[in-house]
Amino acid sequence: MNLDISQIVIKADDISCSIITNLSNLSAFSFTCQLPTNFDGSPLLPAGEHEFKVYIPTIGFIGLGNGVLPIAVNYTLSSLKTLNGTLNGGFSNSIFGRGFAKKNKTINNLNDKNGKNGKNGKNGNKHIAISICDNPAHITFISNKRIDFIQPPCSAAGTFHLNFTYGYTSHTNLTFTYVDPAANLPTISSISPKMFNPMVKSTLNISGSNFGTNLSAINVYLTNSSGRVYQLRVIKITNSLITCGLPGGLPGNYTVQVNYPYSTGNALLSAINVDLFSYVSKITGVYPNFGSFFGGTLLTIVGINFSPAYSDTLVYIGDMVNWFCKIQSINDTVITCLTPPISSAYQVGE
């Protein structure tokens, strides 16, 4: 069989292996192919076993003999970029090694608390997780030789093993030392407002000390138990005051996090709960609680943090969204509306 060698496709785990043997007649042959490599010559493959696949367009896939074994790649953990830091965490750190992934992946999802890239993600990477001091780290970037992550906080000073999980295996050969924070770290003393309307854009003021004046050095987030939920735009910063935009969001309780990703990490708190913030909008009363079957009853709805804009608000009675109460007036705490005639879908008394 005469076949140009350029027609042969060889892959290991979807990574092309380039043939470097110069042959034109493939009636009986052996050849060598070269996988992409890292700078140190190690194959650009994630840890695990990878079977070779040989494909010829005019024939199809070529069967491999029993003696052709998968290529085995092990991952290694070599070092940490930063070996010690303060208890507050929140700063960037990196693990160096190899065999972590076959494709680079940046993880931008703020809700991805643990920075997990999935057991079988689109980039073929296995599940990877990192924890230190029993707290999960948020992974932000993965390549074959490097993993970037946000250092988690710790409740006590000391040296702790980094727990690295890859698939079903774990290693703890790297350590990190937490130290008590210095007195001049950024510190939050209060926020204003503590509660706001989730449907309205506004600003949030964060008071404290040692914030610095470099607008590009900080990130501000609203966080909850799932992780960082909303990133706030920093409008102005002085050493004692940060002003951010509030974009609106889902009702709920949050904490305000001021983060210096490339230096000191998360700002400290001057006292417990000074960073608490909530988006709240709720009804506290409806008057009267009865009206005419034929509609036209002026209903007064009292509550907290209504949107003052007519276009942002709909009022309806019962479970039928299209049974609207026509709004007559509206502000942050009171809405008045005229009830429609009773819907045929409701029974008397509902």
Protein backbone atom coordinates (compact mmCIF):
# COMPACT_ATOMS: atom_id res chain seq x y z
CA MET A 1 0.00 0.00 0.00
CA ASN A 2 1.37 3.39 -1.00
CA LEU A 3 0.27 6.19 1.27
CA ASP A 4 1.64 9.62 1.95
CA ILE A 5 2.61 9.93 5.58
CA SER A 6 0.78 13.28 5.84
CA GLN A 7 -2.51 11.34 5.66
CA ILE A 8 -1.94 9.62 8.97
CA VAL A 9 -3.52 11.20 12.06
CA ILE A 10 -2.24 10.12 15.48
CA LYS A 11 -3.69 11.43 18.73
CA ALA A 12 -3.41 10.76 22.44
CA ASP A 13 -6.41 12.08 24.37
CA ASP A 14 -7.26 14.38 21.42
CA ILE A 15 -3.74 15.84 21.44
CA SER A 16 -2.09 15.47 18.02
CA CYS A 17 1.17 13.54 17.83
CA SER A 18 3.23 14.81 14.85
CA ILE A 19 5.02 12.13 12.80
CA ILE A 20 8.73 12.91 12.52
CA THR A 21 9.76 9.82 10.51
CA ASN A 22 10.11 10.42 6.75
CA LEU A 23 8.33 7.52 4.99
CA SER A 24 6.29 7.30 1.81
CA ASN A 25 5.67 3.54 1.46
CA LEU A 26 3.79 2.18 4.45
CA SER A 27 3.47 -1.48 3.44
CA ALA A 28 5.57 -2.42 6.49
CA PHE A 29 6.74 0.27 8.77
CA SER A 30 7.38 1.74 12.18
CA PHE A 31 7.55 5.45 12.84
CA THR A 32 8.02 8.03 15.54
CA CYS A 33 5.69 10.86 16.49
CA GLN A 34 6.19 13.81 18.79
CA LEU A 35 3.62 15.04 21.33
CA PRO A 36 3.57 18.72 22.34
CA THR A 37 5.74 19.28 25.39
CA ASN A 38 6.27 21.71 28.22
CA PHE A 39 9.49 23.70 28.43
CA ASP A 40 11.10 20.88 30.41
CA GLY A 41 10.26 18.27 27.75
CA SER A 42 7.41 16.61 29.67
CA PRO A 43 4.33 15.75 27.52
CA LEU A 44 1.53 18.30 27.48
CA LEU A 45 -1.01 15.81 28.83
CA PRO A 46 -3.01 15.66 32.05
CA ALA A 47 -2.13 12.94 34.53
CA GLY A 48 -3.57 9.52 33.74
CA GLU A 49 -3.37 6.86 31.03
CA HIS A 50 -3.84 7.95 27.42
CA GLU A 51 -4.42 5.54 24.55
CA PHE A 52 -3.10 6.33 21.10
CA LYS A 53 -5.50 6.43 18.17
CA VAL A 54 -4.26 6.07 14.59
CA TYR A 55 -6.54 7.18 11.76
CA ILE A 56 -6.17 7.01 7.95
CA PRO A 57 -8.97 8.80 6.06
CA THR A 58 -9.26 6.21 3.25
CA ILE A 59 -9.24 3.27 5.68
CA GLY A 60 -10.47 4.41 9.09
CA PHE A 61 -9.05 3.75 12.53
CA ILE A 62 -6.16 1.30 12.72
CA GLY A 63 -6.34 -1.40 15.36
CA LEU A 64 -3.54 -1.48 17.92
CA GLY A 65 -1.87 -4.72 18.97
CA ASN A 66 -2.15 -6.08 22.49
CA GLY A 67 1.41 -5.05 23.20
CA VAL A 68 0.68 -1.35 22.55
CA LEU A 69 0.19 0.10 26.00
CA PRO A 70 -1.32 3.48 26.91
CA ILE A 71 1.11 6.25 27.75
CA ALA A 72 1.09 6.90 31.51
CA VAL A 73 1.52 10.45 32.80
CA ASN A 74 1.84 11.29 36.48
CA TYR A 75 1.20 14.68 38.01
CA THR A 76 3.75 16.26 40.32
CA LEU A 77 3.55 19.09 42.85
CA SER A 78 6.82 21.01 42.90
CA SER A 79 6.35 24.23 44.85
CA LEU A 80 4.15 27.11 45.98
CA LYS A 81 4.70 30.64 44.72
CA THR A 82 3.98 32.12 48.17
CA LEU A 83 4.89 30.10 51.26
CA ASN A 84 3.46 32.32 54.00
CA GLY A 85 0.83 35.01 54.48
CA THR A 86 -1.71 36.52 56.84
CA LEU A 87 -4.73 34.79 58.36
CA ASN A 88 -7.25 36.85 56.37
CA GLY A 89 -6.36 35.11 53.08
CA GLY A 90 -7.82 36.40 49.81
CA PHE A 91 -4.51 36.94 47.99
CA SER A 92 -3.34 35.16 44.83
CA ASN A 93 -1.10 32.10 45.06
CA SER A 94 0.11 29.44 42.63
CA ILE A 95 1.08 25.77 42.61
CA PHE A 96 3.82 24.73 40.19
CA GLY A 97 4.21 21.20 38.89
CA ARG A 98 3.01 19.31 35.83
CA GLY A 99 0.27 17.05 34.57
CA PHE A 100 -2.59 19.24 35.79
CA ALA A 101 -4.42 19.84 32.50
CA LYS A 102 -4.03 19.54 28.75
CA LYS A 103 -5.59 22.93 27.97
CA ASN A 104 -5.39 26.25 29.76
CA LYS A 105 -8.57 27.20 31.56
CA THR A 106 -9.49 30.47 33.27
CA ILE A 107 -12.26 30.18 35.85
CA ASN A 108 -14.27 33.41 36.09
CA ASN A 109 -17.48 32.19 37.71
CA LEU A 110 -17.92 34.14 40.95
CA ASN A 111 -20.37 31.56 42.25
CA ASP A 112 -17.90 28.73 41.79
CA LYS A 113 -16.91 28.65 45.43
CA ASN A 114 -14.34 25.89 45.18
CA GLY A 115 -13.01 26.73 41.75
CA LYS A 116 -13.69 23.18 40.58
CA ASN A 117 -13.33 22.54 36.89
CA GLY A 118 -15.46 19.42 36.84
CA LYS A 119 -14.60 15.75 36.64
CA ASN A 120 -14.78 15.75 32.86
CA GLY A 121 -14.88 19.35 31.71
CA LYS A 122 -14.85 20.56 28.12
CA ASN A 123 -11.10 20.89 28.23
CA GLY A 124 -10.65 17.26 29.29
CA ASN A 125 -9.31 18.18 32.72
CA LYS A 126 -10.12 16.01 35.71
CA HIS A 127 -11.67 17.31 38.90
CA ILE A 128 -9.13 19.35 40.87
CA ALA A 129 -9.65 20.82 44.34
CA ILE A 130 -7.36 22.59 46.82
CA SER A 131 -7.86 23.24 50.53
CA ILE A 132 -5.63 24.68 53.25
CA CYS A 133 -6.42 24.91 56.97
CA ASP A 134 -9.62 22.92 56.19
CA ASN A 135 -10.89 25.77 53.98
CA PRO A 136 -11.42 25.38 50.21
CA ALA A 137 -9.41 27.56 47.82
CA HIS A 138 -11.00 29.14 44.77
CA ILE A 139 -9.08 28.07 41.65
CA THR A 140 -8.83 30.84 39.04
CA PHE A 141 -6.54 29.33 36.37
CA ILE A 142 -5.26 25.87 35.37
CA SER A 143 -2.57 24.90 32.89
CA ASN A 144 -0.45 21.77 32.58
CA LYS A 145 2.26 23.19 34.84
CA ARG A 146 0.53 25.83 36.98
CA ILE A 147 -2.61 26.33 39.05
CA ASP A 148 -3.55 29.80 40.31
CA PHE A 149 -5.88 30.08 43.29
CA ILE A 150 -7.13 32.49 45.93
CA GLN A 151 -5.58 31.70 49.30
CA PRO A 152 -8.34 30.77 51.80
CA PRO A 153 -8.43 32.31 55.29
CA CYS A 154 -7.43 30.48 58.45
CA SER A 155 -8.54 30.90 62.07
CA ALA A 156 -5.16 30.24 63.68
CA ALA A 157 -1.53 30.96 62.91
CA GLY A 158 0.71 28.02 62.04
CA THR A 159 1.94 25.77 59.25
CA PHE A 160 -0.66 23.68 57.43
CA HIS A 161 -0.53 21.05 54.70
CA LEU A 162 -2.04 21.97 51.35
CA ASN A 163 -4.53 19.25 50.45
CA PHE A 164 -4.46 18.73 46.68
CA THR A 165 -7.09 16.45 45.11
CA TYR A 166 -6.83 15.28 41.50
CA GLY A 167 -9.57 12.89 40.44
CA TYR A 168 -9.59 10.23 43.14
CA THR A 169 -6.08 10.88 44.47
CA SER A 170 -4.85 13.36 47.07
CA HIS A 171 -1.44 14.70 48.05
CA THR A 172 -0.32 16.83 50.99
CA ASN A 173 3.41 17.32 50.33
CA LEU A 174 3.24 21.15 50.16
CA THR A 175 2.79 23.39 53.20
CA PHE A 176 1.79 27.00 53.84
CA THR A 177 2.41 29.08 56.97
CA TYR A 178 -0.21 31.51 58.26
CA VAL A 179 1.01 34.43 60.40
CA ASP A 180 -0.86 36.94 62.54
CA PRO A 181 -1.73 40.06 60.53
CA ALA A 182 0.20 43.25 61.02
CA ALA A 183 -1.56 46.24 62.59
CA ASN A 184 -1.47 48.31 59.41
CA LEU A 185 -3.53 46.01 57.18
CA PRO A 186 -6.68 47.37 55.47
CA THR A 187 -9.59 47.17 57.90
CA ILE A 188 -13.35 47.67 57.47
CA SER A 189 -15.07 49.51 60.33
CA SER A 190 -18.56 50.11 58.84
CA ILE A 191 -20.64 50.13 55.66
CA SER A 192 -23.51 52.37 54.61
CA PRO A 193 -26.24 51.58 53.80
CA LYS A 194 -26.54 48.23 55.59
CA MET A 195 -29.73 47.41 53.67
CA PHE A 196 -30.98 48.49 50.26
CA ASN A 197 -33.58 47.96 47.57
CA PRO A 198 -32.50 45.10 45.25
CA MET A 199 -34.32 46.73 42.31
CA VAL A 200 -32.57 50.10 42.47
CA LYS A 201 -29.01 51.08 41.60
CA SER A 202 -27.14 53.17 44.15
CA THR A 203 -23.78 53.49 45.91
CA LEU A 204 -22.21 51.76 48.91
CA ASN A 205 -19.76 53.50 51.26
CA ILE A 206 -17.17 51.39 53.08
CA SER A 207 -15.40 53.14 55.96
CA GLY A 208 -12.19 51.92 57.53
CA SER A 209 -8.43 52.40 57.56
CA ASN A 210 -5.34 51.68 55.45
CA PHE A 211 -7.30 51.26 52.22
CA GLY A 212 -4.67 53.11 50.20
CA THR A 213 -5.54 55.26 47.19
CA ASN A 214 -4.87 52.92 44.24
CA LEU A 215 -8.21 52.26 42.55
CA SER A 216 -6.81 49.38 40.46
CA ALA A 217 -5.32 47.55 43.47
CA ILE A 218 -8.63 46.44 45.00
CA ASN A 219 -11.73 44.44 44.18
CA VAL A 220 -14.98 44.69 46.16
CA TYR A 221 -17.53 41.86 46.27
CA LEU A 222 -20.87 40.95 47.80
CA THR A 223 -20.46 37.39 49.05
CA ASN A 224 -22.62 34.72 50.66
CA SER A 225 -22.26 31.03 51.51
CA SER A 226 -21.89 30.16 47.80
CA GLY A 227 -18.89 32.49 47.38
CA ARG A 228 -18.47 35.80 45.57
CA VAL A 229 -21.85 36.69 44.06
CA TYR A 230 -21.54 40.28 42.78
CA GLN A 231 -18.45 42.33 41.99
CA LEU A 232 -19.01 46.02 42.73
CA ARG A 233 -17.48 48.78 40.64
CA VAL A 234 -15.11 50.90 42.74
CA ILE A 235 -15.88 54.56 42.05
CA LYS A 236 -13.62 56.35 44.53
CA ILE A 237 -11.06 55.41 47.17
CA THR A 238 -9.25 57.26 49.95
CA ASN A 239 -7.26 55.78 52.78
CA SER A 240 -10.39 55.69 54.95
CA LEU A 241 -13.33 55.48 52.52
CA ILE A 242 -14.26 53.35 49.49
CA THR A 243 -17.31 54.24 47.39
CA CYS A 244 -18.74 51.50 45.13
CA GLY A 245 -21.68 51.14 42.81
CA LEU A 246 -24.58 48.94 43.94
CA PRO A 247 -25.95 47.24 40.81
CA GLY A 248 -29.04 45.65 42.36
CA GLY A 249 -29.47 41.91 42.71
CA LEU A 250 -31.39 39.10 44.32
CA PRO A 251 -32.88 39.67 47.78
CA GLY A 252 -30.77 38.09 50.51
CA ASN A 253 -28.04 38.55 53.08
CA TYR A 254 -24.47 39.24 51.99
CA THR A 255 -21.08 40.23 53.36
CA VAL A 256 -18.99 42.99 51.84
CA GLN A 257 -15.48 41.83 50.94
CA VAL A 258 -12.66 44.25 50.11
CA ASN A 259 -9.89 42.29 48.43
CA TYR A 260 -6.30 43.15 47.48
CA PRO A 261 -5.57 40.15 45.19
CA TYR A 262 -1.88 40.83 44.62
CA SER A 263 -0.82 42.02 48.06
CA THR A 264 -2.59 41.66 51.42
CA GLY A 265 -5.70 39.70 50.44
CA ASN A 266 -9.02 40.34 52.17
CA ALA A 267 -9.40 43.39 54.39
CA LEU A 268 -9.82 42.71 58.10
CA LEU A 269 -12.90 43.62 60.19
CA SER A 270 -12.72 46.00 63.13
CA ALA A 271 -15.57 44.08 64.80
CA ILE A 272 -17.80 41.12 64.04
CA ASN A 273 -20.65 41.70 61.53
CA VAL A 274 -19.53 45.18 60.44
CA ASP A 275 -19.46 43.83 56.87
CA LEU A 276 -23.07 42.59 56.76
CA PHE A 277 -25.33 43.88 53.96
CA SER A 278 -28.77 42.83 52.73
CA TYR A 279 -30.93 43.35 49.68
CA VAL A 280 -34.49 43.52 51.03
CA SER A 281 -37.88 44.15 49.42
CA LYS A 282 -40.99 42.87 51.17
CA ILE A 283 -44.68 43.50 51.89
CA THR A 284 -45.59 44.17 55.54
CA GLY A 285 -49.32 44.91 55.16
CA VAL A 286 -52.31 45.11 52.76
CA TYR A 287 -55.40 47.26 53.45
CA PRO A 288 -58.31 46.67 53.21
CA ASN A 289 -58.43 42.87 53.21
CA PHE A 290 -61.77 42.69 51.37
CA GLY A 291 -63.43 44.49 48.44
CA SER A 292 -66.09 44.48 45.71
CA PHE A 293 -66.51 41.52 43.30
CA PHE A 294 -66.77 44.12 40.56
CA GLY A 295 -63.37 45.65 41.25
CA GLY A 296 -62.51 49.30 41.87
CA THR A 297 -61.38 48.84 45.48
CA LEU A 298 -58.42 51.07 46.31
CA LEU A 299 -55.83 48.74 47.78
CA THR A 300 -52.96 50.08 49.91
CA ILE A 301 -49.81 47.92 50.07
CA VAL A 302 -47.24 48.81 52.72
CA GLY A 303 -43.70 47.46 52.75
CA ILE A 304 -39.97 48.02 52.51
CA ASN A 305 -37.86 48.98 49.50
CA PHE A 306 -40.42 49.05 46.70
CA SER A 307 -39.20 50.45 43.42
CA PRO A 308 -40.52 54.02 43.01
CA ALA A 309 -40.68 53.56 39.21
CA TYR A 310 -44.05 52.51 37.79
CA SER A 311 -42.35 50.60 34.98
CA ASP A 312 -40.46 48.38 37.46
CA THR A 313 -43.52 47.15 39.35
CA LEU A 314 -46.56 44.95 38.68
CA VAL A 315 -49.25 44.16 41.27
CA TYR A 316 -51.63 41.26 40.81
CA ILE A 317 -54.13 39.44 43.01
CA GLY A 318 -53.92 35.73 43.77
CA ASP A 319 -52.08 33.24 41.61
CA MET A 320 -53.05 34.63 38.21
CA VAL A 321 -50.31 36.95 36.96
CA ASN A 322 -52.60 38.56 34.38
CA TRP A 323 -55.15 39.66 37.02
CA PHE A 324 -53.56 43.05 37.57
CA CYS A 325 -54.26 45.65 40.23
CA LYS A 326 -53.85 48.99 38.43
CA ILE A 327 -51.22 51.10 40.21
CA GLN A 328 -52.38 54.59 41.21
CA SER A 329 -49.34 55.74 43.20
CA ILE A 330 -46.02 54.31 44.30
CA ASN A 331 -43.02 55.16 46.45
CA ASP A 332 -40.41 53.24 48.46
CA THR A 333 -42.86 52.09 51.15
CA VAL A 334 -46.45 52.44 49.85
CA ILE A 335 -48.25 51.32 46.68
CA THR A 336 -51.91 52.05 45.97
CA CYS A 337 -53.80 50.26 43.21
CA LEU A 338 -57.35 49.62 41.97
CA THR A 339 -58.47 45.99 42.03
CA PRO A 340 -59.94 44.45 38.85
CA PRO A 341 -63.28 42.59 38.74
CA ILE A 342 -62.97 39.10 40.22
CA SER A 343 -61.61 36.52 37.80
CA SER A 344 -63.83 33.60 36.77
CA ALA A 345 -60.93 31.34 37.76
CA TYR A 346 -61.47 32.14 41.47
CA GLN A 347 -64.08 30.86 43.85
CA VAL A 348 -66.01 33.24 46.12
CA GLY A 349 -63.99 33.96 49.26
CA GLU A 350 -60.53 33.45 47.71
